[in-house]
Amino acid sequence: MLNLPKKVTIIEVGPRDGLQNEKSFVPTDIKKQFIGELWKAGFQEMELTSFVSPKWVPQMGDAAEIAVDCLNADARNIVLAPNRKGIDRVYSTDCQAVAVFVGVSNSFNQKNINKSTRAGMAELAPILAELKGKNYFVRACISTAFYCPYEGKIAESDTIKLCQEFIDAGVDELSVADTIGMATPAESYSLFSRLKNLFPHTLLTAHFHDTRKLALANIFASLQAGIDRFDSSAGGLGGCPFAPGASGNVATEDVVYMLDRMGIDTGVNLHKLIDAIEVVRPHLSRPIESGYYRLHTQIF
């Protein structure tokens, strides 16, 4: 028999991870409308924005305004902050959930944060202790957990070692990412089965990109491994400016449709989700190509 949960939590990452790689700046008022419509669709956790340098990620230049105007008091409002400067900006907001990130791959980290994996973790260690001391929810994003665009296949043991370091630092959640969309269902099942056995008391979230159209298959394999939390992006938006060849995140609407058809509750209303996508679609640099969206717009 299939090993399927009755309920799955979808963490919507479109406003942050989805929009960060857009070529032209999406107007702030449009972002606010987009986020507002996504909340209406029923999400209980969302990545709203990122406190990064607008020089390197121009799309996140309005992070402070988004973090003030888009909070949902009944949900988990997540903002990404990669370093001390970003964390200090978080403290000036009412956000109580922070995402940090480090890649397993040294080469990826050098391109992304100009530090090795070890140096990145050393810098984060006191910040993580501080955040937990202030009772923040901390989400650790593990980039290049399967493959790296510069180093190729990542050893499963290396990913587990980095996850263990974050667990030892007291994080609440691990979001483990197939950053360039090269993982296979067998690899996903293997890694997430081991993580589930090793860290049964930690929130484990799978984050798949759909570069090779394997994201849904990887999600299904992860379900079999006991994972019931998944990152996804409305409209399949996203990519990574520091990971050549990485396409968008798996489309939320495709994930929700698949899970709905399997009898798994997500709490997300597909029609309202499409309404949210329609808000941002005219301002995007590429068309929405998810299967559910294309079928829905043809029919309706």
Protein backbone atom coordinates (compact mmCIF):
# COMPACT_ATOMS: atom_id res chain seq x y z
CA MET A 1 0.00 0.00 0.00
CA LEU A 2 1.02 3.57 -0.59
CA ASN A 3 2.33 5.48 2.41
CA LEU A 4 0.33 8.71 2.19
CA PRO A 5 -0.47 11.34 4.82
CA LYS A 6 -3.99 12.67 5.31
CA LYS A 7 -2.73 16.27 5.30
CA VAL A 8 0.21 18.11 3.74
CA THR A 9 1.49 21.60 4.53
CA ILE A 10 2.42 23.74 1.53
CA ILE A 11 4.86 26.56 2.22
CA GLU A 12 4.27 29.15 -0.50
CA VAL A 13 7.61 30.66 -1.58
CA GLY A 14 6.48 32.63 -4.65
CA PRO A 15 6.76 36.15 -3.21
CA ARG A 16 10.36 35.56 -2.13
CA ASP A 17 12.05 32.66 -3.91
CA GLY A 18 9.71 33.01 -6.87
CA LEU A 19 10.16 36.71 -7.59
CA GLN A 20 13.84 37.07 -6.69
CA ASN A 21 14.94 35.98 -10.16
CA GLU A 22 12.56 38.13 -12.23
CA LYS A 23 14.37 40.31 -14.75
CA SER A 24 12.31 43.44 -14.15
CA PHE A 25 11.13 44.83 -10.83
CA VAL A 26 7.59 43.79 -9.92
CA PRO A 27 5.87 46.89 -8.45
CA THR A 28 5.54 46.80 -4.69
CA ASP A 29 1.77 47.32 -4.74
CA ILE A 30 1.45 44.32 -7.07
CA LYS A 31 3.53 42.20 -4.70
CA LYS A 32 1.25 43.23 -1.84
CA GLN A 33 -1.85 42.28 -3.83
CA PHE A 34 -0.23 39.00 -4.83
CA ILE A 35 0.58 38.12 -1.23
CA GLY A 36 -2.87 39.18 -0.07
CA GLU A 37 -4.57 36.91 -2.60
CA LEU A 38 -2.26 34.04 -1.66
CA TRP A 39 -3.27 34.39 1.99
CA LYS A 40 -6.91 34.26 0.88
CA ALA A 41 -6.18 30.97 -0.89
CA GLY A 42 -5.57 29.35 2.49
CA PHE A 43 -1.81 29.10 3.04
CA GLN A 44 -0.67 28.91 6.63
CA GLU A 45 3.04 29.50 5.92
CA MET A 46 4.64 31.79 3.35
CA GLU A 47 8.04 33.25 2.47
CA LEU A 48 7.20 36.93 2.08
CA THR A 49 10.49 38.58 1.18
CA SER A 50 14.23 38.62 1.77
CA PHE A 51 16.44 41.09 3.61
CA VAL A 52 19.33 40.93 1.17
CA SER A 53 21.32 43.61 -0.58
CA PRO A 54 19.20 45.19 -3.34
CA LYS A 55 22.45 45.59 -5.26
CA TRP A 56 22.62 41.82 -5.69
CA VAL A 57 18.89 40.98 -5.62
CA PRO A 58 17.04 44.10 -6.84
CA GLN A 59 13.62 42.43 -6.65
CA MET A 60 13.87 42.37 -2.86
CA GLY A 61 14.62 46.08 -2.52
CA ASP A 62 11.18 46.72 -0.99
CA ALA A 63 11.57 44.06 1.72
CA ALA A 64 11.00 46.42 4.64
CA GLU A 65 7.67 47.63 3.26
CA ILE A 66 6.50 44.10 2.41
CA ALA A 67 7.43 42.88 5.89
CA VAL A 68 5.30 45.61 7.45
CA ASP A 69 2.23 45.52 5.22
CA CYS A 70 1.79 41.84 4.35
CA LEU A 71 1.79 40.02 7.66
CA ASN A 72 -0.97 37.55 8.46
CA ALA A 73 -1.58 37.34 12.21
CA ASP A 74 -3.01 33.83 11.85
CA ALA A 75 -0.15 32.33 9.84
CA ARG A 76 3.63 31.89 9.81
CA ASN A 77 5.22 34.89 8.08
CA ILE A 78 8.72 33.91 6.96
CA VAL A 79 11.42 36.35 5.87
CA LEU A 80 14.85 35.32 4.68
CA ALA A 81 17.92 36.98 6.19
CA PRO A 82 21.30 35.59 5.13
CA ASN A 83 23.60 37.50 7.46
CA ARG A 84 23.93 39.83 10.46
CA LYS A 85 22.83 42.89 8.52
CA GLY A 86 19.70 41.11 7.34
CA ILE A 87 18.90 39.78 10.82
CA ASP A 88 19.16 43.26 12.31
CA ARG A 89 16.60 44.43 9.74
CA VAL A 90 14.27 41.59 10.75
CA TYR A 91 14.38 42.81 14.34
CA SER A 92 12.78 46.08 13.23
CA THR A 93 9.70 44.19 11.99
CA ASP A 94 7.00 42.08 13.64
CA CYS A 95 8.08 38.95 11.74
CA GLN A 96 8.75 36.06 14.10
CA ALA A 97 9.97 33.48 11.59
CA VAL A 98 13.36 33.73 9.89
CA ALA A 99 14.90 31.66 7.11
CA VAL A 100 18.67 31.32 6.80
CA PHE A 101 20.56 29.36 4.20
CA VAL A 102 23.81 27.59 3.46
CA GLY A 103 24.57 25.29 0.57
CA VAL A 104 26.19 21.90 1.00
CA SER A 105 28.49 22.73 -1.92
CA ASN A 106 31.50 24.95 -1.22
CA SER A 107 31.54 26.22 -4.81
CA PHE A 108 27.89 27.24 -4.67
CA ASN A 109 28.44 29.08 -1.39
CA GLN A 110 31.43 30.93 -2.80
CA LYS A 111 29.27 32.18 -5.69
CA ASN A 112 26.27 32.93 -3.49
CA ILE A 113 27.60 34.29 -0.18
CA ASN A 114 31.32 34.60 -0.99
CA LYS A 115 32.16 32.11 1.77
CA SER A 116 32.86 28.41 2.10
CA THR A 117 30.31 26.13 3.72
CA ARG A 118 32.36 26.04 6.92
CA ALA A 119 32.77 29.82 7.05
CA GLY A 120 29.06 30.31 6.36
CA MET A 121 28.11 28.04 9.25
CA ALA A 122 30.63 29.69 11.55
CA GLU A 123 29.07 33.08 10.82
CA LEU A 124 25.56 31.76 11.35
CA ALA A 125 26.21 29.93 14.63
CA PRO A 126 25.98 32.95 16.98
CA ILE A 127 23.08 34.37 14.95
CA LEU A 128 21.11 31.13 15.31
CA ALA A 129 21.74 31.07 19.05
CA GLU A 130 20.59 34.66 19.29
CA LEU A 131 17.42 34.03 17.28
CA LYS A 132 16.47 31.03 19.40
CA GLY A 133 17.21 33.04 22.54
CA LYS A 134 14.65 35.57 21.30
CA ASN A 135 12.12 32.78 20.56
CA TYR A 136 12.15 33.17 16.78
CA PHE A 137 11.07 30.29 14.55
CA VAL A 138 14.15 29.41 12.49
CA ARG A 139 13.98 27.72 9.10
CA ALA A 140 17.27 26.48 7.67
CA CYS A 141 17.36 26.23 3.87
CA ILE A 142 19.85 23.59 2.71
CA SER A 143 20.80 24.47 -0.87
CA THR A 144 22.41 22.02 -3.34
CA ALA A 145 21.37 19.06 -1.21
CA PHE A 146 21.46 16.69 -4.21
CA TYR A 147 23.48 18.32 -7.00
CA CYS A 148 25.57 21.45 -7.50
CA PRO A 149 25.90 23.33 -10.82
CA TYR A 150 29.67 23.55 -10.22
CA GLU A 151 30.55 20.31 -8.39
CA GLY A 152 28.00 17.83 -9.69
CA LYS A 153 26.51 15.16 -7.44
CA ILE A 154 26.62 15.89 -3.71
CA ALA A 155 27.30 13.00 -1.36
CA GLU A 156 24.25 12.16 0.74
CA SER A 157 26.49 12.00 3.80
CA ASP A 158 27.61 15.62 3.24
CA THR A 159 24.00 16.82 3.14
CA ILE A 160 23.16 14.89 6.30
CA LYS A 161 26.22 16.31 8.06
CA LEU A 162 25.16 19.90 7.30
CA CYS A 163 21.60 19.14 8.41
CA GLN A 164 22.99 17.76 11.67
CA GLU A 165 24.92 20.98 12.26
CA PHE A 166 21.74 23.00 11.87
CA ILE A 167 19.86 20.64 14.18
CA ASP A 168 22.61 20.98 16.77
CA ALA A 169 22.24 24.78 16.47
CA GLY A 170 18.58 24.45 17.42
CA VAL A 171 16.73 25.27 14.18
CA ASP A 172 13.03 24.39 13.99
CA GLU A 173 12.84 23.39 10.33
CA LEU A 174 15.06 22.03 7.59
CA SER A 175 14.05 22.94 4.02
CA VAL A 176 16.16 20.58 1.90
CA ALA A 177 16.50 21.75 -1.70
CA ASP A 178 17.10 20.21 -5.08
CA THR A 179 18.40 23.58 -6.22
CA ILE A 180 19.03 22.77 -9.88
CA GLY A 181 16.31 20.17 -10.34
CA MET A 182 18.52 17.12 -10.97
CA ALA A 183 17.33 14.80 -8.22
CA THR A 184 15.55 11.58 -9.11
CA PRO A 185 12.70 10.01 -7.12
CA ALA A 186 15.05 7.26 -5.92
CA GLU A 187 17.52 9.85 -4.61
CA SER A 188 14.73 11.85 -2.97
CA TYR A 189 13.32 8.78 -1.25
CA SER A 190 16.77 7.76 -0.02
CA LEU A 191 17.76 11.12 1.44
CA PHE A 192 14.43 11.98 3.01
CA SER A 193 14.01 8.51 4.49
CA ARG A 194 17.35 8.92 6.25
CA LEU A 195 16.57 12.46 7.40
CA LYS A 196 13.17 11.35 8.72
CA ASN A 197 14.82 8.55 10.71
CA LEU A 198 17.64 10.75 12.01
CA PHE A 199 15.60 13.82 12.90
CA PRO A 200 12.08 12.64 13.81
CA HIS A 201 11.34 15.69 15.95
CA THR A 202 12.35 18.35 13.39
CA LEU A 203 10.07 19.81 10.72
CA LEU A 204 11.38 18.43 7.43
CA THR A 205 10.40 20.20 4.22
CA ALA A 206 11.24 19.18 0.65
CA HIS A 207 12.04 21.91 -1.88
CA PHE A 208 12.11 20.89 -5.54
CA HIS A 209 12.83 22.79 -8.72
CA ASP A 210 11.20 21.54 -11.91
CA THR A 211 14.14 21.96 -14.30
CA ARG A 212 13.83 18.44 -15.68
CA LYS A 213 10.09 18.00 -14.98
CA LEU A 214 10.73 15.58 -12.12
CA ALA A 215 9.49 17.74 -9.24
CA LEU A 216 6.09 16.07 -8.86
CA ALA A 217 7.70 12.63 -9.06
CA ASN A 218 10.17 13.68 -6.38
CA ILE A 219 7.35 14.97 -4.19
CA PHE A 220 5.55 11.63 -4.54
CA ALA A 221 8.75 9.78 -3.58
CA SER A 222 9.19 12.11 -0.59
CA LEU A 223 5.63 11.40 0.54
CA GLN A 224 6.56 7.72 0.58
CA ALA A 225 9.53 8.62 2.80
CA GLY A 226 7.19 10.26 5.32
CA ILE A 227 7.57 13.91 4.31
CA ASP A 228 4.42 16.01 4.65
CA ARG A 229 5.78 19.52 4.10
CA PHE A 230 6.70 20.96 0.70
CA ASP A 231 7.88 24.32 -0.62
CA SER A 232 6.28 25.44 -3.88
CA SER A 233 5.83 28.63 -5.86
CA ALA A 234 2.60 29.93 -7.37
CA GLY A 235 2.89 29.85 -11.14
CA GLY A 236 6.15 27.90 -10.95
CA LEU A 237 8.02 31.18 -10.46
CA GLY A 238 11.62 31.22 -9.42
CA GLY A 239 15.09 30.07 -10.18
CA CYS A 240 18.35 31.00 -8.56
CA PRO A 241 20.63 33.82 -9.80
CA PHE A 242 23.65 31.87 -8.52
CA ALA A 243 22.69 28.47 -9.96
CA PRO A 244 23.01 28.42 -13.75
CA GLY A 245 20.35 26.27 -15.40
CA ALA A 246 17.99 26.20 -12.43
CA SER A 247 14.42 26.72 -13.56
CA GLY A 248 11.49 27.76 -11.42
CA ASN A 249 10.23 26.04 -8.32
CA VAL A 250 7.58 23.38 -8.70
CA ALA A 251 4.25 25.13 -9.35
CA THR A 252 2.01 25.29 -6.29
CA GLU A 253 -1.11 24.75 -8.37
CA ASP A 254 0.26 21.51 -9.83
CA VAL A 255 1.25 20.24 -6.38
CA VAL A 256 -2.13 21.11 -4.85
CA TYR A 257 -4.00 19.56 -7.78
CA MET A 258 -2.03 16.31 -7.51
CA LEU A 259 -2.49 16.08 -3.75
CA ASP A 260 -6.19 16.95 -3.98
CA ARG A 261 -6.70 14.16 -6.52
CA MET A 262 -4.94 11.77 -4.14
CA GLY A 263 -7.27 12.70 -1.30
CA ILE A 264 -4.64 14.60 0.65
CA ASP A 265 -5.80 17.81 2.33
CA THR A 266 -3.69 20.94 1.75
CA GLY A 267 -6.17 23.59 2.88
CA VAL A 268 -5.43 25.52 -0.34
CA ASN A 269 -8.24 26.69 -2.64
CA LEU A 270 -7.12 26.20 -6.24
CA HIS A 271 -9.48 28.80 -7.71
CA LYS A 272 -8.26 31.48 -5.29
CA LEU A 273 -4.68 30.44 -6.00
CA ILE A 274 -5.26 31.10 -9.71
CA ASP A 275 -6.70 34.52 -8.78
CA ALA A 276 -3.43 35.30 -7.01
CA ILE A 277 -1.37 34.25 -10.03
CA GLU A 278 -3.47 36.49 -12.26
CA VAL A 279 -2.47 39.48 -10.14
CA VAL A 280 1.25 39.06 -10.80
CA ARG A 281 1.19 37.42 -14.25
CA PRO A 282 1.13 40.66 -16.33
CA HIS A 283 4.30 41.82 -14.59
CA LEU A 284 6.38 38.70 -15.16
CA SER A 285 9.18 38.26 -17.68
CA ARG A 286 7.96 34.83 -18.80
CA PRO A 287 4.63 33.06 -19.24
CA ILE A 288 3.03 30.79 -16.67
CA GLU A 289 3.56 27.26 -17.97
CA SER A 290 2.29 25.00 -15.20
CA GLY A 291 0.00 22.24 -16.35
CA TYR A 292 -2.91 23.12 -14.08
CA TYR A 293 -2.77 26.83 -14.92
CA ARG A 294 -2.74 26.24 -18.67
CA LEU A 295 -5.62 23.79 -18.51
CA HIS A 296 -7.61 26.02 -16.16
CA THR A 297 -7.25 29.12 -18.31
CA GLN A 298 -8.18 27.19 -21.47
CA ILE A 299 -11.35 25.86 -19.87
CA PHE A 300 -12.40 28.90 -17.91
